[in-house]
Amino acid sequence: MTRIDIDEAIRLHHKWRRQFLNAFAGGSYADMPLSEHRSCTLACAAGQLPAAVLELDRRFHLLADEIVDLSDNGLSDSADLLLPELNEAEHQLAAALDQLR
């Protein structure tokens, strides 16, 4: 079984969220692969991580999906309202992962 690189997982989540927010601020997703978050390696590590961490990861990705869906359907104002929640979900996930070290 492959061991999860906690530092890399935190870095990748943080990097993706930052790119996501920058794409939103610029008003265009054209240069960002928004579905990239769906290939998160944490989801593949179900047997290696506590359920609480996996739930935080799942929540992060569900929020990202919802934001993308709202934006794709012309509801960018509603999508904007979820950005702080996405930030908080990422911070909670990073903190939970950090505790696993």
Protein backbone atom coordinates (compact mmCIF):
# COMPACT_ATOMS: atom_id res chain seq x y z
CA MET A 1 0.00 0.00 0.00
CA THR A 2 1.38 3.41 -0.96
CA ARG A 3 1.95 5.80 1.91
CA ILE A 4 0.25 9.20 1.67
CA ASP A 5 2.59 12.19 1.52
CA ILE A 6 0.82 14.52 3.95
CA ASP A 7 2.88 17.57 3.01
CA GLU A 8 2.20 17.03 -0.68
CA ALA A 9 -1.53 16.54 -0.08
CA ILE A 10 -1.71 19.80 1.86
CA ARG A 11 0.35 21.61 -0.78
CA LEU A 12 -1.78 20.35 -3.67
CA HIS A 13 -5.06 21.25 -1.98
CA HIS A 14 -3.78 24.71 -1.12
CA LYS A 15 -2.40 25.27 -4.62
CA TRP A 16 -5.61 24.16 -6.30
CA ARG A 17 -7.77 26.35 -4.04
CA ARG A 18 -5.53 29.36 -4.73
CA GLN A 19 -5.76 28.78 -8.51
CA PHE A 20 -9.50 28.31 -8.18
CA LEU A 21 -9.91 31.61 -6.32
CA ASN A 22 -7.67 33.40 -8.82
CA ALA A 23 -9.76 32.05 -11.69
CA PHE A 24 -12.89 33.34 -9.97
CA ALA A 25 -11.32 36.75 -9.32
CA GLY A 26 -10.38 37.00 -12.99
CA GLY A 27 -13.89 36.08 -14.03
CA SER A 28 -12.69 33.26 -16.27
CA TYR A 29 -12.04 29.58 -15.87
CA ALA A 30 -10.67 29.19 -19.38
CA ASP A 31 -7.09 28.64 -18.24
CA MET A 32 -7.84 26.38 -15.30
CA PRO A 33 -8.61 22.66 -15.36
CA LEU A 34 -11.48 22.83 -12.88
CA SER A 35 -12.08 19.11 -12.81
CA GLU A 36 -8.47 18.48 -11.72
CA HIS A 37 -9.57 18.35 -8.07
CA ARG A 38 -11.65 15.28 -8.86
CA SER A 39 -8.47 13.19 -9.16
CA CYS A 40 -7.42 13.95 -5.58
CA THR A 41 -5.16 11.23 -4.20
CA LEU A 42 -6.72 11.37 -0.74
CA ALA A 43 -9.91 9.74 -2.00
CA CYS A 44 -7.82 6.77 -3.10
CA ALA A 45 -6.37 6.39 0.40
CA ALA A 46 -9.56 5.45 2.21
CA GLY A 47 -7.87 2.66 4.18
CA GLN A 48 -4.96 4.86 5.24
CA LEU A 49 -6.73 7.92 6.58
CA PRO A 50 -9.23 8.44 9.38
CA ALA A 51 -12.84 8.76 8.29
CA ALA A 52 -13.00 12.32 9.65
CA VAL A 53 -10.17 13.42 7.33
CA LEU A 54 -11.78 11.74 4.35
CA GLU A 55 -15.07 13.48 5.17
CA LEU A 56 -13.31 16.88 5.22
CA ASP A 57 -11.76 16.06 1.84
CA ARG A 58 -15.13 14.98 0.46
CA ARG A 59 -16.73 18.22 1.71
CA PHE A 60 -14.01 20.31 0.05
CA HIS A 61 -14.61 18.60 -3.30
CA LEU A 62 -18.39 18.78 -3.03
CA LEU A 63 -18.14 22.53 -2.45
CA ALA A 64 -15.79 22.94 -5.40
CA ASP A 65 -18.19 20.95 -7.60
CA GLU A 66 -21.12 23.07 -6.44
CA ILE A 67 -19.25 26.29 -7.16
CA VAL A 68 -18.35 25.11 -10.65
CA ASP A 69 -21.91 23.94 -11.34
CA LEU A 70 -23.42 27.23 -10.17
CA SER A 71 -20.98 29.21 -12.26
CA ASP A 72 -21.53 27.03 -15.33
CA ASN A 73 -25.28 27.66 -14.97
CA GLY A 74 -24.93 31.43 -14.88
CA LEU A 75 -25.28 31.72 -11.12
CA SER A 76 -21.86 33.19 -10.38
CA ASP A 77 -23.25 35.42 -7.60
CA SER A 78 -24.42 32.31 -5.75
CA ALA A 79 -21.11 30.61 -6.48
CA ASP A 80 -19.25 33.60 -5.01
CA LEU A 81 -21.13 33.14 -1.75
CA LEU A 82 -19.63 29.66 -1.36
CA LEU A 83 -16.00 30.77 -1.73
CA PRO A 84 -15.49 31.54 1.98
CA GLU A 85 -16.91 28.12 2.80
CA LEU A 86 -14.46 26.51 0.37
CA ASN A 87 -11.60 28.39 2.05
CA GLU A 88 -12.70 27.19 5.46
CA ALA A 89 -13.07 23.59 4.23
CA GLU A 90 -9.52 23.67 2.85
CA HIS A 91 -8.14 25.09 6.10
CA GLN A 92 -9.94 22.43 8.15
CA LEU A 93 -8.63 19.69 5.88
CA ALA A 94 -5.06 21.01 6.05
CA ALA A 95 -5.26 21.19 9.85
CA ALA A 96 -6.59 17.62 10.08
CA LEU A 97 -3.87 16.35 7.75
CA ASP A 98 -1.24 18.27 9.70
CA GLN A 99 -2.31 16.44 12.87
CA LEU A 100 -1.53 13.09 11.20
CA ARG A 101 2.20 13.82 11.00
